[in-house]
C-alpha atoms as a PDB file:
ATOM      1  CA  MET A   1     119.329 170.341 212.979  1.00  0.00           C
ATOM      2  CA  HIS A   2     121.295 172.567 210.740  1.00  0.00           C
ATOM      3  CA  ARG A   3     123.603 169.603 210.056  1.00  0.00           C
ATOM      4  CA  GLY A   4     120.768 167.231 209.530  1.00  0.00           C
ATOM      5  CA  MET A   5     121.869 164.882 212.303  1.00  0.00           C
ATOM      6  CA  ILE A   6     118.416 164.643 213.945  1.00  0.00           C
ATOM      7  CA  ASP A   7     115.533 162.720 212.511  1.00  0.00           C
ATOM      8  CA  PHE A   8     112.143 164.247 213.455  1.00  0.00           C
ATOM      9  CA  SER A   9     110.013 162.005 211.364  1.00  0.00           C
ATOM     10  CA  ASP A  10     108.757 159.748 214.228  1.00  0.00           C
ATOM     11  CA  ILE A  11     108.188 162.458 216.863  1.00  0.00           C
ATOM     12  CA  GLN A  12     104.646 162.158 218.232  1.00  0.00           C
ATOM     13  CA  SER A  13     104.783 164.757 221.239  1.00  0.00           C
ATOM     14  CA  VAL A  14     106.937 167.727 221.979  1.00  0.00           C
ATOM     15  CA  VAL A  15     107.311 169.715 225.124  1.00  0.00           C
ATOM     16  CA  LEU A  16     109.673 172.804 224.755  1.00  0.00           C
ATOM     17  CA  ASP A  17     110.518 173.476 228.487  1.00  0.00           C
ATOM     18  CA  GLU A  18     111.157 177.175 229.279  1.00  0.00           C
ATOM     19  CA  ALA A  19     110.284 178.120 225.611  1.00  0.00           C
ATOM     20  CA  ASP A  20     108.998 181.505 226.891  1.00  0.00           C
ATOM     21  CA  GLU A  21     112.551 182.088 228.540  1.00  0.00           C
ATOM     22  CA  MET A  22     114.158 181.057 225.349  1.00  0.00           C
ATOM     23  CA  LEU A  23     112.116 183.660 223.404  1.00  0.00           C
ATOM     24  CA  GLU A  24     113.062 186.466 225.935  1.00  0.00           C
ATOM     25  CA  ILE A  25     116.756 185.905 225.414  1.00  0.00           C
ATOM     26  CA  GLY A  26     116.633 185.820 221.627  1.00  0.00           C
ATOM     27  CA  PHE A  27     116.237 182.227 220.478  1.00  0.00           C
ATOM     28  CA  ALA A  28     112.950 182.869 218.473  1.00  0.00           C
ATOM     29  CA  GLU A  29     114.546 181.633 215.229  1.00  0.00           C
ATOM     30  CA  ASP A  30     115.729 178.475 216.794  1.00  0.00           C
ATOM     31  CA  LEU A  31     112.379 177.783 218.331  1.00  0.00           C
ATOM     32  CA  GLU A  32     110.676 178.367 214.962  1.00  0.00           C
ATOM     33  CA  LEU A  33     113.039 176.009 213.294  1.00  0.00           C
ATOM     34  CA  ILE A  34     112.298 173.304 215.775  1.00  0.00           C
ATOM     35  CA  LEU A  35     108.456 173.781 215.558  1.00  0.00           C
ATOM     36  CA  GLU A  36     108.640 173.667 211.730  1.00  0.00           C
ATOM     37  CA  ALA A  37     110.541 170.220 211.736  1.00  0.00           C
ATOM     38  CA  ILE A  38     108.060 168.410 214.082  1.00  0.00           C
ATOM     39  CA  PRO A  39     104.500 167.196 213.498  1.00  0.00           C
ATOM     40  CA  LYS A  40     101.729 169.686 214.084  1.00  0.00           C
ATOM     41  CA  VAL A  41     100.861 169.583 217.814  1.00  0.00           C
ATOM     42  CA  ARG A  42      97.339 170.659 218.706  1.00  0.00           C
ATOM     43  CA  GLN A  43      95.536 171.657 221.889  1.00  0.00           C
ATOM     44  CA  THR A  44      91.769 171.802 222.416  1.00  0.00           C
ATOM     45  CA  ALA A  45      89.592 174.180 224.306  1.00  0.00           C
ATOM     46  CA  TYR A  46      85.967 173.728 224.993  1.00  0.00           C
ATOM     47  CA  VAL A  47      83.948 176.885 225.652  1.00  0.00           C
ATOM     48  CA  VAL A  48      81.715 176.000 228.462  1.00  0.00           C
ATOM     49  CA  PRO A  49      79.441 178.587 230.229  1.00  0.00           C
ATOM     50  CA  ARG A  50      80.536 178.927 233.887  1.00  0.00           C
ATOM     51  CA  ALA A  51      77.192 177.474 235.095  1.00  0.00           C
ATOM     52  CA  HIS A  52      77.912 174.273 233.259  1.00  0.00           C
ATOM     53  CA  LYS A  53      81.634 173.633 233.988  1.00  0.00           C
ATOM     54  CA  VAL A  54      80.918 171.230 236.911  1.00  0.00           C
ATOM     55  CA  THR A  55      78.460 169.325 234.786  1.00  0.00           C
ATOM     56  CA  ALA A  56      80.969 169.006 231.857  1.00  0.00           C
ATOM     57  CA  LEU A  57      83.437 167.469 234.292  1.00  0.00           C
ATOM     58  CA  ASP A  58      80.899 164.578 234.925  1.00  0.00           C
ATOM     59  CA  LEU A  59      81.087 163.632 231.324  1.00  0.00           C
ATOM     60  CA  GLU A  60      84.530 162.171 231.589  1.00  0.00           C
ATOM     61  CA  SER A  61      85.568 159.123 233.679  1.00  0.00           C
ATOM     62  CA  PRO A  62      89.066 159.894 234.870  1.00  0.00           C
ATOM     63  CA  THR A  63      91.499 157.430 236.470  1.00  0.00           C
ATOM     64  CA  LEU A  64      92.776 160.589 238.103  1.00  0.00           C
ATOM     65  CA  ALA A  65      92.052 164.032 236.927  1.00  0.00           C
ATOM     66  CA  LEU A  66      94.321 166.999 237.798  1.00  0.00           C
ATOM     67  CA  ILE A  67      92.158 170.022 237.709  1.00  0.00           C
ATOM     68  CA  PHE A  68      93.627 173.501 237.810  1.00  0.00           C
ATOM     69  CA  CYS A  69      91.927 176.467 239.287  1.00  0.00           C
ATOM     70  CA  ARG A  70      93.158 180.111 239.686  1.00  0.00           C
ATOM     71  CA  THR A  71      92.608 180.668 243.402  1.00  0.00           C
ATOM     72  CA  ARG A  72      92.488 178.825 246.683  1.00  0.00           C
ATOM     73  CA  ILE A  73      88.923 179.811 247.139  1.00  0.00           C
ATOM     74  CA  GLU A  74      88.003 178.338 243.732  1.00  0.00           C
ATOM     75  CA  VAL A  75      89.831 175.175 244.554  1.00  0.00           C
ATOM     76  CA  ASP A  76      87.925 174.709 247.785  1.00  0.00           C
ATOM     77  CA  GLU A  77      84.630 175.553 246.296  1.00  0.00           C
ATOM     78  CA  LEU A  78      85.074 173.137 243.313  1.00  0.00           C
ATOM     79  CA  ALA A  79      86.331 170.386 245.678  1.00  0.00           C
ATOM     80  CA  GLU A  80      83.192 170.686 247.889  1.00  0.00           C
ATOM     81  CA  ARG A  81      80.930 170.552 244.864  1.00  0.00           C
ATOM     82  CA  MET A  82      82.659 167.443 243.509  1.00  0.00           C
ATOM     83  CA  VAL A  83      82.653 165.593 246.813  1.00  0.00           C
ATOM     84  CA  GLY A  84      78.905 166.274 246.834  1.00  0.00           C
ATOM     85  CA  ARG A  85      78.774 164.515 243.390  1.00  0.00           C
ATOM     86  CA  GLY A  86      80.452 161.421 244.780  1.00  0.00           C
ATOM     87  CA  TYR A  87      84.187 161.969 243.759  1.00  0.00           C
ATOM     88  CA  ARG A  88      87.129 161.242 245.913  1.00  0.00           C
ATOM     89  CA  VAL A  89      88.743 164.631 245.979  1.00  0.00           C
ATOM     90  CA  GLU A  90      91.923 166.235 247.548  1.00  0.00           C
ATOM     91  CA  VAL A  91      93.127 169.778 246.951  1.00  0.00           C
ATOM     92  CA  MET A  92      96.543 171.395 246.857  1.00  0.00           C
ATOM     93  CA  HIS A  93      97.330 175.103 247.043  1.00  0.00           C
ATOM     94  CA  GLY A  94      99.841 177.466 248.495  1.00  0.00           C
ATOM     95  CA  GLY A  95      98.136 177.705 251.844  1.00  0.00           C
ATOM     96  CA  MET A  96      99.014 174.176 252.717  1.00  0.00           C
ATOM     97  CA  THR A  97     102.294 172.979 254.463  1.00  0.00           C
ATOM     98  CA  GLN A  98     104.714 170.761 252.559  1.00  0.00           C
ATOM     99  CA  ASN A  99     103.768 167.865 254.821  1.00  0.00           C
ATOM    100  CA  ILE A 100     100.090 168.177 253.769  1.00  0.00           C
ATOM    101  CA  ARG A 101     101.047 168.450 250.101  1.00  0.00           C
ATOM    102  CA  ASP A 102     103.182 165.312 250.357  1.00  0.00           C
ATOM    103  CA  ARG A 103     100.247 163.360 251.967  1.00  0.00           C
ATOM    104  CA  VAL A 104      97.995 164.466 249.118  1.00  0.00           C
ATOM    105  CA  ILE A 105     100.591 163.325 246.472  1.00  0.00           C
ATOM    106  CA  LYS A 106     100.876 159.976 248.271  1.00  0.00           C
ATOM    107  CA  LYS A 107      97.111 159.517 248.131  1.00  0.00           C
ATOM    108  CA  ALA A 108      97.157 160.355 244.422  1.00  0.00           C
ATOM    109  CA  ARG A 109     100.027 157.960 243.715  1.00  0.00           C
ATOM    110  CA  ALA A 110      98.208 155.140 245.643  1.00  0.00           C
ATOM    111  CA  ALA A 111      95.083 155.607 243.392  1.00  0.00           C
ATOM    112  CA  ALA A 112      92.976 156.704 246.300  1.00  0.00           C
ATOM    113  CA  LEU A 113      91.684 159.847 244.488  1.00  0.00           C
ATOM    114  CA  ASP A 114      89.529 160.563 241.584  1.00  0.00           C
ATOM    115  CA  LEU A 115      90.309 164.321 241.427  1.00  0.00           C
ATOM    116  CA  LEU A 116      93.176 166.455 242.547  1.00  0.00           C
ATOM    117  CA  ILE A 117      91.980 170.038 242.394  1.00  0.00           C
ATOM    118  CA  ALA A 118      94.752 172.597 242.722  1.00  0.00           C
ATOM    119  CA  THR A 119      96.265 175.908 241.959  1.00  0.00           C
ATOM    120  CA  ASP A 120      99.397 176.165 239.943  1.00  0.00           C
ATOM    121  CA  VAL A 121     101.415 175.108 243.001  1.00  0.00           C
ATOM    122  CA  ALA A 122     100.496 171.514 242.131  1.00  0.00           C
ATOM    123  CA  ALA A 123     102.259 171.821 238.733  1.00  0.00           C
ATOM    124  CA  ARG A 124     105.635 171.844 240.333  1.00  0.00           C
ATOM    125  CA  GLY A 125     107.323 168.536 240.587  1.00  0.00           C
ATOM    126  CA  LEU A 126     104.420 166.264 239.802  1.00  0.00           C
ATOM    127  CA  ASP A 127     105.334 162.628 239.301  1.00  0.00           C
ATOM    128  CA  ILE A 128     102.058 160.567 239.268  1.00  0.00           C
ATOM    129  CA  GLU A 129     101.822 157.841 236.652  1.00  0.00           C
ATOM    130  CA  HIS A 130      98.112 157.300 236.333  1.00  0.00           C
ATOM    131  CA  ILE A 131      96.812 160.772 235.551  1.00  0.00           C
ATOM    132  CA  SER A 132      94.316 160.302 232.795  1.00  0.00           C
ATOM    133  CA  HIS A 133      92.929 164.006 232.526  1.00  0.00           C
ATOM    134  CA  VAL A 134      94.497 167.419 232.923  1.00  0.00           C
ATOM    135  CA  VAL A 135      91.746 170.105 233.084  1.00  0.00           C
ATOM    136  CA  ASN A 136      92.267 173.877 233.117  1.00  0.00           C
ATOM    137  CA  PHE A 137      88.986 174.490 234.892  1.00  0.00           C
ATOM    138  CA  ASP A 138      90.006 178.229 235.046  1.00  0.00           C
ATOM    139  CA  VAL A 139      92.591 179.407 232.475  1.00  0.00           C
ATOM    140  CA  PRO A 140      95.294 181.416 234.201  1.00  0.00           C
ATOM    141  CA  SER A 141      94.979 185.212 234.183  1.00  0.00           C
ATOM    142  CA  SER A 142      98.354 185.711 232.330  1.00  0.00           C
ATOM    143  CA  PRO A 143      99.824 183.883 229.400  1.00  0.00           C
ATOM    144  CA  GLU A 144     102.936 183.404 231.198  1.00  0.00           C
ATOM    145  CA  SER A 145     101.222 181.488 233.959  1.00  0.00           C
ATOM    146  CA  TYR A 146      99.498 179.292 231.397  1.00  0.00           C
ATOM    147  CA  VAL A 147     102.774 178.509 229.603  1.00  0.00           C
ATOM    148  CA  HIS A 148     104.347 177.642 232.904  1.00  0.00           C
ATOM    149  CA  ARG A 149     101.383 175.357 233.980  1.00  0.00           C
ATOM    150  CA  ILE A 150     101.098 173.402 230.758  1.00  0.00           C
ATOM    151  CA  GLY A 151     104.952 173.054 230.516  1.00  0.00           C
ATOM    152  CA  ARG A 152     105.248 171.675 234.038  1.00  0.00           C
ATOM    153  CA  THR A 153     102.407 169.164 233.474  1.00  0.00           C
ATOM    154  CA  GLY A 154     103.465 168.426 229.845  1.00  0.00           C
ATOM    155  CA  ARG A 155     106.788 166.949 231.030  1.00  0.00           C
ATOM    156  CA  ALA A 156     105.156 164.689 233.501  1.00  0.00           C
ATOM    157  CA  LEU A 157     102.484 163.534 231.024  1.00  0.00           C
ATOM    158  CA  LEU A 158     104.437 162.936 227.844  1.00  0.00           C
ATOM    159  CA  ALA A 159     104.485 159.111 228.070  1.00  0.00           C
ATOM    160  CA  MET A 160     100.939 158.718 228.980  1.00  0.00           C
ATOM    161  CA  ASP A 161      97.526 158.731 227.057  1.00  0.00           C
ATOM    162  CA  VAL A 162      96.144 161.847 228.734  1.00  0.00           C
ATOM    163  CA  VAL A 163      92.997 163.895 227.787  1.00  0.00           C
ATOM    164  CA  SER A 164      93.862 167.690 228.176  1.00  0.00           C
ATOM    165  CA  ILE A 165      90.708 169.800 228.578  1.00  0.00           C
ATOM    166  CA  ASN A 166      90.718 173.692 228.731  1.00  0.00           C
ATOM    167  CA  PHE A 167      87.488 175.460 229.839  1.00  0.00           C
ATOM    168  CA  ALA A 168      87.422 178.999 228.430  1.00  0.00           C
END
């Protein structure tokens, strides 16, 4: 960048993987330089009262939505509610064996799901081409967890037309 060898004029999306780690080890100036050179990237958050979050999910028509919750209990409760609303739902969380997680991912890749409701464990190693929505149903409790979550999904979703929704 300092030598003018990179053209940033056609960039449409940027994911800075491990940016939080880069900041911690002293690369703040480099990150600022990169961010100043690229088009403005924005993220949208919808403030929806807790009682209306499930209803708000019905307003979209996902091919496949990846919905993040904070805890296993929240994942299971939301999954039960969405099944009751007629969605094809699977869950993923740390209490599941790797074999079960693999089975869920296979179903998602086969387009046999409408919703994949998960804790942050699902953000690791995702490779599902037809995700149309990423929803932070419950924003993580720490900024570091949030950065990790959106970074992991951001890499997987760069080439797609994906709706990102954050419920505050």
